[in-house]
Amino acid sequence: MTQISILGCGWLGLPLAKRFIGKGFLVNGSTTSENKLPILEDAGINPFLVTLESESISDSINDFLAQSKILIIDIPPKLRGNNVDSSNSERKIFVEKIKNLIPFIEKSTIKKVLFVSSTSVYGDENELITEETLPNPDTESGKQLLLSEALLQENQNFKTTIVRFGGLIGDDRHPVKFLAGKENLENPDAPVNLIHQKDCISIIQEIINQKSWNEVFNAVAPFHPTREKYYTQKAIDKNLALPKFSSEKTTIRKVISSEKTERLLNYQFRLENY
């Protein structure tokens, strides 16, 4: 029976772990909150309290990785703007966390790593974005994700696949809730680049099932109405105050292509969820 370790059993990692358990996998799952340990255990996950810092890591990391062949890293950078470290603005906190993790992966049984990244590594470009597009992140989060991707990809001790998700939505999570009733919203004609939690989980499952390693995948639903059209309709559907957009600034028309994901993994997005 294959064992997987999932670093970060949060909004995506927890239902992902449940999916793998349902498919007969053994799953080690981590959380940074002691209160969540019973939740993981109740779901059939072998729970671990793991805190990953730039200069230290929990002693439990070795047990968390032990006997697993696959590691899924699903921890968000949690960075905003250029505020990377109040004590040293040049430090790359998230990158250093990944650097700190890598030696523990190297001495473990892990042979495959799947790193959950973001399409923010591409920045805002007026073009069709594919995996061949040169990344050009314009946010601190995107910059650190790209550097972290490279650290994992360059390591010869394990194979790494990167999956770059677009804007995350789910049955309990939708950006229209934050946009409802707001005015002067930018980029009304920009296409949306979203992915539903259910597609995230299924794509990760297919990568592992099909042993598609040493790859980079964009994962965004092939559904790109304009922001104004999409969020206005969603507000109507959810009986929320309509968002109001402004056309004063130039709209960025970036479209993320998931053609490779659809073709190589033979994957079909569930557009009814959008």
C-alpha atoms as a PDB file:
ATOM      1  CA  MET A   1       0.000   0.000   0.000  1.00  0.00           C
ATOM      2  CA  THR A   2       1.504   3.335  -1.102  1.00  0.00           C
ATOM      3  CA  GLN A   3       2.119   5.962   1.565  1.00  0.00           C
ATOM      4  CA  ILE A   4       2.028   9.695   0.856  1.00  0.00           C
ATOM      5  CA  SER A   5       3.023  12.603   3.072  1.00  0.00           C
ATOM      6  CA  ILE A   6       1.064  15.831   2.621  1.00  0.00           C
ATOM      7  CA  LEU A   7       2.765  18.889   4.101  1.00  0.00           C
ATOM      8  CA  GLY A   8      -0.089  21.256   4.806  1.00  0.00           C
ATOM      9  CA  CYS A   9      -3.533  19.718   5.415  1.00  0.00           C
ATOM     10  CA  GLY A  10      -5.512  22.925   5.077  1.00  0.00           C
ATOM     11  CA  TRP A  11      -8.218  24.059   2.658  1.00  0.00           C
ATOM     12  CA  LEU A  12      -6.825  21.924  -0.162  1.00  0.00           C
ATOM     13  CA  GLY A  13      -4.588  19.448   1.638  1.00  0.00           C
ATOM     14  CA  LEU A  14      -7.256  17.994   3.937  1.00  0.00           C
ATOM     15  CA  PRO A  15      -9.801  17.010   1.245  1.00  0.00           C
ATOM     16  CA  LEU A  16      -6.869  15.879  -0.912  1.00  0.00           C
ATOM     17  CA  ALA A  17      -5.742  13.555   1.863  1.00  0.00           C
ATOM     18  CA  LYS A  18      -9.286  12.224   2.209  1.00  0.00           C
ATOM     19  CA  ARG A  19      -9.371  11.496  -1.539  1.00  0.00           C
ATOM     20  CA  PHE A  20      -6.160   9.463  -1.358  1.00  0.00           C
ATOM     21  CA  ILE A  21      -7.347   7.557   1.701  1.00  0.00           C
ATOM     22  CA  GLY A  22     -10.505   6.708  -0.218  1.00  0.00           C
ATOM     23  CA  LYS A  23      -8.310   5.318  -2.994  1.00  0.00           C
ATOM     24  CA  GLY A  24      -6.453   3.027  -0.591  1.00  0.00           C
ATOM     25  CA  PHE A  25      -3.377   5.130   0.151  1.00  0.00           C
ATOM     26  CA  LEU A  26      -1.849   5.576   3.579  1.00  0.00           C
ATOM     27  CA  VAL A  27      -1.500   9.297   4.310  1.00  0.00           C
ATOM     28  CA  ASN A  28       0.706  11.214   6.719  1.00  0.00           C
ATOM     29  CA  GLY A  29      -0.667  14.733   7.070  1.00  0.00           C
ATOM     30  CA  SER A  30       0.745  17.805   8.763  1.00  0.00           C
ATOM     31  CA  THR A  31      -0.785  20.823  10.447  1.00  0.00           C
ATOM     32  CA  THR A  32       0.673  23.735  12.376  1.00  0.00           C
ATOM     33  CA  SER A  33      -2.288  23.776  14.766  1.00  0.00           C
ATOM     34  CA  GLU A  34      -2.495  21.307  17.625  1.00  0.00           C
ATOM     35  CA  ASN A  35      -6.287  21.761  17.627  1.00  0.00           C
ATOM     36  CA  LYS A  36      -6.459  20.264  14.129  1.00  0.00           C
ATOM     37  CA  LEU A  37      -4.692  17.018  15.010  1.00  0.00           C
ATOM     38  CA  PRO A  38      -7.958  15.275  16.061  1.00  0.00           C
ATOM     39  CA  ILE A  39      -9.613  16.458  12.834  1.00  0.00           C
ATOM     40  CA  LEU A  40      -6.889  14.823  10.771  1.00  0.00           C
ATOM     41  CA  GLU A  41      -7.017  11.650  12.851  1.00  0.00           C
ATOM     42  CA  ASP A  42     -10.808  11.430  12.526  1.00  0.00           C
ATOM     43  CA  ALA A  43     -10.379  11.616   8.743  1.00  0.00           C
ATOM     44  CA  GLY A  44      -8.093   8.585   8.790  1.00  0.00           C
ATOM     45  CA  ILE A  45      -4.907  10.627   8.368  1.00  0.00           C
ATOM     46  CA  ASN A  46      -1.800   9.861  10.408  1.00  0.00           C
ATOM     47  CA  PRO A  47      -1.456  13.346  11.969  1.00  0.00           C
ATOM     48  CA  PHE A  48       1.746  15.280  12.634  1.00  0.00           C
ATOM     49  CA  LEU A  49       2.358  18.700  14.123  1.00  0.00           C
ATOM     50  CA  VAL A  50       4.963  20.217  11.804  1.00  0.00           C
ATOM     51  CA  THR A  51       6.118  23.810  11.900  1.00  0.00           C
ATOM     52  CA  LEU A  52       8.456  24.826   9.089  1.00  0.00           C
ATOM     53  CA  GLU A  53      10.469  27.979   9.675  1.00  0.00           C
ATOM     54  CA  SER A  54      13.316  29.612   7.787  1.00  0.00           C
ATOM     55  CA  GLU A  55      15.858  28.518  10.391  1.00  0.00           C
ATOM     56  CA  SER A  56      14.219  25.575  12.137  1.00  0.00           C
ATOM     57  CA  ILE A  57      11.806  22.713  11.676  1.00  0.00           C
ATOM     58  CA  SER A  58       9.835  20.509  14.049  1.00  0.00           C
ATOM     59  CA  ASP A  59      11.504  17.342  15.326  1.00  0.00           C
ATOM     60  CA  SER A  60       8.498  15.429  13.992  1.00  0.00           C
ATOM     61  CA  ILE A  61       9.564  16.031  10.375  1.00  0.00           C
ATOM     62  CA  ASN A  62      11.518  12.775  10.140  1.00  0.00           C
ATOM     63  CA  ASP A  63       8.589  10.680  11.358  1.00  0.00           C
ATOM     64  CA  PHE A  64       6.260  12.639   9.078  1.00  0.00           C
ATOM     65  CA  LEU A  65       8.353  11.722   6.018  1.00  0.00           C
ATOM     66  CA  ALA A  66       9.260   8.174   7.142  1.00  0.00           C
ATOM     67  CA  GLN A  67       8.180   5.324   4.839  1.00  0.00           C
ATOM     68  CA  SER A  68       6.552   7.664   2.308  1.00  0.00           C
ATOM     69  CA  LYS A  69       7.673   7.619  -1.321  1.00  0.00           C
ATOM     70  CA  ILE A  70       5.761  10.775  -2.333  1.00  0.00           C
ATOM     71  CA  LEU A  71       5.671  14.191  -0.680  1.00  0.00           C
ATOM     72  CA  ILE A  72       3.069  16.807  -1.583  1.00  0.00           C
ATOM     73  CA  ILE A  73       4.057  20.316  -0.464  1.00  0.00           C
ATOM     74  CA  ASP A  74       0.972  22.494  -0.101  1.00  0.00           C
ATOM     75  CA  ILE A  75       1.967  25.408   2.103  1.00  0.00           C
ATOM     76  CA  PRO A  76       1.199  28.987   0.989  1.00  0.00           C
ATOM     77  CA  PRO A  77       3.918  31.652   1.150  1.00  0.00           C
ATOM     78  CA  LYS A  78       1.550  33.976   3.066  1.00  0.00           C
ATOM     79  CA  LEU A  79       3.348  37.042   1.764  1.00  0.00           C
ATOM     80  CA  ARG A  80       1.827  40.402   0.976  1.00  0.00           C
ATOM     81  CA  GLY A  81       3.433  43.019  -1.248  1.00  0.00           C
ATOM     82  CA  ASN A  82       7.128  43.429  -0.531  1.00  0.00           C
ATOM     83  CA  ASN A  83       6.909  42.798   3.199  1.00  0.00           C
ATOM     84  CA  VAL A  84       9.118  39.724   3.314  1.00  0.00           C
ATOM     85  CA  ASP A  85      10.739  40.195   6.716  1.00  0.00           C
ATOM     86  CA  SER A  86      10.475  43.080   9.139  1.00  0.00           C
ATOM     87  CA  SER A  87      14.001  42.462  10.397  1.00  0.00           C
ATOM     88  CA  ASN A  88      15.687  42.006   7.023  1.00  0.00           C
ATOM     89  CA  SER A  89      13.910  43.122   3.860  1.00  0.00           C
ATOM     90  CA  GLU A  90      16.266  41.072   1.669  1.00  0.00           C
ATOM     91  CA  ARG A  91      15.486  37.727   3.278  1.00  0.00           C
ATOM     92  CA  LYS A  92      13.369  35.299   1.331  1.00  0.00           C
ATOM     93  CA  ILE A  93      11.394  33.691   4.133  1.00  0.00           C
ATOM     94  CA  PHE A  94       9.450  31.119   2.110  1.00  0.00           C
ATOM     95  CA  VAL A  95      12.488  30.179   0.018  1.00  0.00           C
ATOM     96  CA  GLU A  96      14.496  29.637   3.182  1.00  0.00           C
ATOM     97  CA  LYS A  97      11.763  27.387   4.551  1.00  0.00           C
ATOM     98  CA  ILE A  98      12.027  25.201   1.458  1.00  0.00           C
ATOM     99  CA  LYS A  99      15.830  25.239   1.712  1.00  0.00           C
ATOM    100  CA  ASN A 100      15.493  24.087   5.302  1.00  0.00           C
ATOM    101  CA  LEU A 101      13.129  21.280   4.315  1.00  0.00           C
ATOM    102  CA  ILE A 102      15.198  19.845   1.452  1.00  0.00           C
ATOM    103  CA  PRO A 103      17.923  18.104   3.522  1.00  0.00           C
ATOM    104  CA  PHE A 104      15.226  16.213   5.420  1.00  0.00           C
ATOM    105  CA  ILE A 105      13.684  15.103   2.132  1.00  0.00           C
ATOM    106  CA  GLU A 106      17.101  13.989   0.879  1.00  0.00           C
ATOM    107  CA  LYS A 107      17.726  11.654   3.827  1.00  0.00           C
ATOM    108  CA  SER A 108      14.173  10.274   3.847  1.00  0.00           C
ATOM    109  CA  THR A 109      12.481   7.609   1.713  1.00  0.00           C
ATOM    110  CA  ILE A 110      10.862  10.310  -0.470  1.00  0.00           C
ATOM    111  CA  LYS A 111      11.586   9.821  -4.176  1.00  0.00           C
ATOM    112  CA  LYS A 112       8.906  12.071  -5.711  1.00  0.00           C
ATOM    113  CA  VAL A 113       7.825  15.595  -4.763  1.00  0.00           C
ATOM    114  CA  LEU A 114       4.744  17.452  -5.970  1.00  0.00           C
ATOM    115  CA  PHE A 115       4.958  21.170  -5.251  1.00  0.00           C
ATOM    116  CA  VAL A 116       1.754  23.215  -5.274  1.00  0.00           C
ATOM    117  CA  SER A 117       2.629  26.578  -6.822  1.00  0.00           C
ATOM    118  CA  SER A 118       0.674  29.393  -8.447  1.00  0.00           C
ATOM    119  CA  THR A 119       0.220  31.083 -11.806  1.00  0.00           C
ATOM    120  CA  SER A 120       1.393  34.253 -10.020  1.00  0.00           C
ATOM    121  CA  VAL A 121       4.908  33.229 -11.129  1.00  0.00           C
ATOM    122  CA  TYR A 122       3.983  34.594 -14.582  1.00  0.00           C
ATOM    123  CA  GLY A 123       3.074  38.110 -13.505  1.00  0.00           C
ATOM    124  CA  ASP A 124       0.600  40.224 -15.472  1.00  0.00           C
ATOM    125  CA  GLU A 125       1.209  39.869 -19.190  1.00  0.00           C
ATOM    126  CA  ASN A 126      -1.090  40.616 -22.120  1.00  0.00           C
ATOM    127  CA  GLU A 127      -0.743  37.217 -23.714  1.00  0.00           C
ATOM    128  CA  LEU A 128      -1.659  33.549 -23.694  1.00  0.00           C
ATOM    129  CA  ILE A 129       0.420  31.910 -20.971  1.00  0.00           C
ATOM    130  CA  THR A 130       1.682  28.342 -21.358  1.00  0.00           C
ATOM    131  CA  GLU A 131       4.282  26.338 -19.466  1.00  0.00           C
ATOM    132  CA  GLU A 132       6.791  27.532 -22.060  1.00  0.00           C
ATOM    133  CA  THR A 133       6.205  31.181 -21.149  1.00  0.00           C
ATOM    134  CA  LEU A 134       9.137  32.696 -19.283  1.00  0.00           C
ATOM    135  CA  PRO A 135       7.963  33.403 -15.715  1.00  0.00           C
ATOM    136  CA  ASN A 136       8.048  37.064 -14.739  1.00  0.00           C
ATOM    137  CA  PRO A 137       6.530  37.425 -11.261  1.00  0.00           C
ATOM    138  CA  ASP A 138       5.669  40.934 -10.071  1.00  0.00           C
ATOM    139  CA  THR A 139       4.661  40.025  -6.511  1.00  0.00           C
ATOM    140  CA  GLU A 140       6.869  38.887  -3.663  1.00  0.00           C
ATOM    141  CA  SER A 141       4.808  35.728  -3.323  1.00  0.00           C
ATOM    142  CA  GLY A 142       5.264  34.880  -7.005  1.00  0.00           C
ATOM    143  CA  LYS A 143       9.009  35.554  -6.840  1.00  0.00           C
ATOM    144  CA  GLN A 144       9.514  33.286  -3.856  1.00  0.00           C
ATOM    145  CA  LEU A 145       7.371  30.519  -5.324  1.00  0.00           C
ATOM    146  CA  LEU A 146       9.463  30.584  -8.500  1.00  0.00           C
ATOM    147  CA  LEU A 147      12.727  30.397  -6.551  1.00  0.00           C
ATOM    148  CA  SER A 148      11.324  27.539  -4.469  1.00  0.00           C
ATOM    149  CA  GLU A 149      10.247  25.675  -7.603  1.00  0.00           C
ATOM    150  CA  ALA A 150      13.809  25.886  -8.915  1.00  0.00           C
ATOM    151  CA  LEU A 151      15.341  24.619  -5.672  1.00  0.00           C
ATOM    152  CA  LEU A 152      13.202  21.485  -5.818  1.00  0.00           C
ATOM    153  CA  GLN A 153      13.537  20.927  -9.568  1.00  0.00           C
ATOM    154  CA  GLU A 154      17.327  21.204  -9.474  1.00  0.00           C
ATOM    155  CA  ASN A 155      17.730  18.606  -6.735  1.00  0.00           C
ATOM    156  CA  GLN A 156      18.852  15.242  -8.126  1.00  0.00           C
ATOM    157  CA  ASN A 157      17.856  13.222  -5.067  1.00  0.00           C
ATOM    158  CA  PHE A 158      14.181  13.170  -6.012  1.00  0.00           C
ATOM    159  CA  LYS A 159      11.913  13.941  -8.960  1.00  0.00           C
ATOM    160  CA  THR A 160       9.747  17.039  -8.757  1.00  0.00           C
ATOM    161  CA  THR A 161       6.562  18.037 -10.537  1.00  0.00           C
ATOM    162  CA  ILE A 162       5.234  21.580 -10.228  1.00  0.00           C
ATOM    163  CA  VAL A 163       1.517  22.324 -10.513  1.00  0.00           C
ATOM    164  CA  ARG A 164       0.666  26.012 -10.883  1.00  0.00           C
ATOM    165  CA  PHE A 165      -2.915  26.665  -9.854  1.00  0.00           C
ATOM    166  CA  GLY A 166      -4.890  29.740 -10.862  1.00  0.00           C
ATOM    167  CA  GLY A 167      -7.308  31.561  -8.564  1.00  0.00           C
ATOM    168  CA  LEU A 168      -8.681  29.042  -6.091  1.00  0.00           C
ATOM    169  CA  ILE A 169     -12.418  28.687  -5.660  1.00  0.00           C
ATOM    170  CA  GLY A 170     -14.590  26.104  -3.945  1.00  0.00           C
ATOM    171  CA  ASP A 171     -18.042  25.449  -2.587  1.00  0.00           C
ATOM    172  CA  ASP A 172     -17.045  27.389   0.545  1.00  0.00           C
ATOM    173  CA  ARG A 173     -14.648  29.848  -1.081  1.00  0.00           C
ATOM    174  CA  HIS A 174     -15.348  32.376  -3.798  1.00  0.00           C
ATOM    175  CA  PRO A 175     -13.821  35.829  -4.447  1.00  0.00           C
ATOM    176  CA  VAL A 176     -17.205  37.335  -5.301  1.00  0.00           C
ATOM    177  CA  LYS A 177     -17.917  37.394  -1.557  1.00  0.00           C
ATOM    178  CA  PHE A 178     -15.119  39.941  -1.145  1.00  0.00           C
ATOM    179  CA  LEU A 179     -15.959  41.901  -4.305  1.00  0.00           C
ATOM    180  CA  ALA A 180     -19.700  42.207  -3.654  1.00  0.00           C
ATOM    181  CA  GLY A 181     -20.798  45.817  -3.307  1.00  0.00           C
ATOM    182  CA  LYS A 182     -17.352  47.262  -3.935  1.00  0.00           C
ATOM    183  CA  GLU A 183     -16.828  50.085  -6.420  1.00  0.00           C
ATOM    184  CA  ASN A 184     -14.130  51.157  -8.868  1.00  0.00           C
ATOM    185  CA  LEU A 185     -12.812  47.619  -9.279  1.00  0.00           C
ATOM    186  CA  GLU A 186     -10.001  47.385 -11.808  1.00  0.00           C
ATOM    187  CA  ASN A 187      -9.617  45.287 -14.943  1.00  0.00           C
ATOM    188  CA  PRO A 188     -13.288  44.763 -15.887  1.00  0.00           C
ATOM    189  CA  ASP A 189     -12.342  43.197 -19.232  1.00  0.00           C
ATOM    190  CA  ALA A 190      -9.612  40.940 -17.850  1.00  0.00           C
ATOM    191  CA  PRO A 191     -10.343  37.239 -18.321  1.00  0.00           C
ATOM    192  CA  VAL A 192     -10.749  35.144 -15.163  1.00  0.00           C
ATOM    193  CA  ASN A 193      -8.240  32.357 -14.542  1.00  0.00           C
ATOM    194  CA  LEU A 194      -9.837  30.168 -11.891  1.00  0.00           C
ATOM    195  CA  ILE A 195      -9.694  26.584 -10.694  1.00  0.00           C
ATOM    196  CA  HIS A 196     -12.129  24.765  -8.438  1.00  0.00           C
ATOM    197  CA  GLN A 197     -10.936  22.778  -5.431  1.00  0.00           C
ATOM    198  CA  LYS A 198     -12.402  19.603  -6.959  1.00  0.00           C
ATOM    199  CA  ASP A 199     -10.296  20.043 -10.106  1.00  0.00           C
ATOM    200  CA  CYS A 200      -7.189  20.752  -7.994  1.00  0.00           C
ATOM    201  CA  ILE A 201      -7.637  17.474  -6.159  1.00  0.00           C
ATOM    202  CA  SER A 202      -8.345  15.450  -9.298  1.00  0.00           C
ATOM    203  CA  ILE A 203      -5.366  16.886 -11.185  1.00  0.00           C
ATOM    204  CA  ILE A 204      -2.978  16.073  -8.341  1.00  0.00           C
ATOM    205  CA  GLN A 205      -4.453  12.586  -8.216  1.00  0.00           C
ATOM    206  CA  GLU A 206      -3.897  12.121 -11.959  1.00  0.00           C
ATOM    207  CA  ILE A 207      -0.293  13.332 -11.775  1.00  0.00           C
ATOM    208  CA  ILE A 208       0.432  10.690  -9.156  1.00  0.00           C
ATOM    209  CA  ASN A 209      -1.640   7.942 -10.800  1.00  0.00           C
ATOM    210  CA  GLN A 210       0.043   8.521 -14.154  1.00  0.00           C
ATOM    211  CA  LYS A 211       3.518   8.956 -12.625  1.00  0.00           C
ATOM    212  CA  SER A 212       3.934  12.247 -14.439  1.00  0.00           C
ATOM    213  CA  TRP A 213       7.125  13.459 -12.785  1.00  0.00           C
ATOM    214  CA  ASN A 214       9.695  16.106 -13.701  1.00  0.00           C
ATOM    215  CA  GLU A 215       6.925  18.171 -15.277  1.00  0.00           C
ATOM    216  CA  VAL A 216       5.353  21.608 -14.892  1.00  0.00           C
ATOM    217  CA  PHE A 217       1.590  21.956 -15.262  1.00  0.00           C
ATOM    218  CA  ASN A 218      -0.619  25.015 -15.442  1.00  0.00           C
ATOM    219  CA  ALA A 219      -3.985  24.236 -13.902  1.00  0.00           C
ATOM    220  CA  VAL A 220      -6.720  26.728 -14.763  1.00  0.00           C
ATOM    221  CA  ALA A 221     -10.179  25.916 -16.062  1.00  0.00           C
ATOM    222  CA  PRO A 222     -10.608  26.612 -19.815  1.00  0.00           C
ATOM    223  CA  PHE A 223     -13.281  29.131 -18.924  1.00  0.00           C
ATOM    224  CA  HIS A 224     -12.313  32.800 -19.280  1.00  0.00           C
ATOM    225  CA  PRO A 225     -15.226  35.268 -19.232  1.00  0.00           C
ATOM    226  CA  THR A 226     -14.365  38.835 -18.275  1.00  0.00           C
ATOM    227  CA  ARG A 227     -14.117  39.746 -14.618  1.00  0.00           C
ATOM    228  CA  GLU A 228     -17.059  42.109 -14.890  1.00  0.00           C
ATOM    229  CA  LYS A 229     -19.338  39.601 -16.583  1.00  0.00           C
ATOM    230  CA  TYR A 230     -18.352  36.679 -14.370  1.00  0.00           C
ATOM    231  CA  TYR A 231     -18.459  38.372 -10.962  1.00  0.00           C
ATOM    232  CA  THR A 232     -21.624  40.305 -11.751  1.00  0.00           C
ATOM    233  CA  GLN A 233     -23.404  37.075 -12.645  1.00  0.00           C
ATOM    234  CA  LYS A 234     -22.019  35.312  -9.579  1.00  0.00           C
ATOM    235  CA  ALA A 235     -23.240  38.143  -7.350  1.00  0.00           C
ATOM    236  CA  ILE A 236     -26.694  37.776  -8.889  1.00  0.00           C
ATOM    237  CA  ASP A 237     -26.617  33.991  -8.409  1.00  0.00           C
ATOM    238  CA  LYS A 238     -25.644  34.364  -4.750  1.00  0.00           C
ATOM    239  CA  ASN A 239     -27.999  37.285  -4.097  1.00  0.00           C
ATOM    240  CA  LEU A 240     -25.122  39.619  -3.220  1.00  0.00           C
ATOM    241  CA  ALA A 241     -24.647  43.326  -3.889  1.00  0.00           C
ATOM    242  CA  LEU A 242     -23.323  43.836  -7.410  1.00  0.00           C
ATOM    243  CA  PRO A 243     -19.672  44.790  -7.767  1.00  0.00           C
ATOM    244  CA  LYS A 244     -18.989  47.910  -9.820  1.00  0.00           C
ATOM    245  CA  PHE A 245     -16.035  48.056 -12.177  1.00  0.00           C
ATOM    246  CA  SER A 246     -14.073  50.986 -13.580  1.00  0.00           C
ATOM    247  CA  SER A 247     -12.621  51.128 -17.083  1.00  0.00           C
ATOM    248  CA  GLU A 248     -10.295  54.030 -16.367  1.00  0.00           C
ATOM    249  CA  LYS A 249      -7.164  51.883 -16.243  1.00  0.00           C
ATOM    250  CA  THR A 250      -5.807  49.615 -18.962  1.00  0.00           C
ATOM    251  CA  THR A 251      -7.015  46.054 -18.639  1.00  0.00           C
ATOM    252  CA  ILE A 252      -4.519  43.189 -18.464  1.00  0.00           C
ATOM    253  CA  ARG A 253      -5.755  40.408 -20.726  1.00  0.00           C
ATOM    254  CA  LYS A 254      -3.754  37.448 -19.429  1.00  0.00           C
ATOM    255  CA  VAL A 255      -5.136  34.005 -20.237  1.00  0.00           C
ATOM    256  CA  ILE A 256      -3.571  30.938 -18.618  1.00  0.00           C
ATOM    257  CA  SER A 257      -3.638  27.882 -20.859  1.00  0.00           C
ATOM    258  CA  SER A 258      -4.068  24.411 -19.348  1.00  0.00           C
ATOM    259  CA  GLU A 259      -3.857  22.680 -22.719  1.00  0.00           C
ATOM    260  CA  LYS A 260      -0.837  20.636 -21.565  1.00  0.00           C
ATOM    261  CA  THR A 261      -2.687  19.445 -18.465  1.00  0.00           C
ATOM    262  CA  GLU A 262      -5.701  18.431 -20.534  1.00  0.00           C
ATOM    263  CA  ARG A 263      -3.580  16.704 -23.173  1.00  0.00           C
ATOM    264  CA  LEU A 264      -0.835  15.012 -21.157  1.00  0.00           C
ATOM    265  CA  LEU A 265      -3.055  13.901 -18.284  1.00  0.00           C
ATOM    266  CA  ASN A 266      -6.120  13.398 -20.501  1.00  0.00           C
ATOM    267  CA  TYR A 267      -7.956  15.579 -18.030  1.00  0.00           C
ATOM    268  CA  GLN A 268     -11.358  17.194 -18.413  1.00  0.00           C
ATOM    269  CA  PHE A 269     -12.252  20.134 -16.166  1.00  0.00           C
ATOM    270  CA  ARG A 270     -15.644  20.120 -14.456  1.00  0.00           C
ATOM    271  CA  LEU A 271     -16.943  23.390 -15.868  1.00  0.00           C
ATOM    272  CA  GLU A 272     -20.292  22.982 -14.116  1.00  0.00           C
ATOM    273  CA  ASN A 273     -18.502  23.972 -10.892  1.00  0.00           C
ATOM    274  CA  TYR A 274     -17.679  27.427 -12.234  1.00  0.00           C
END
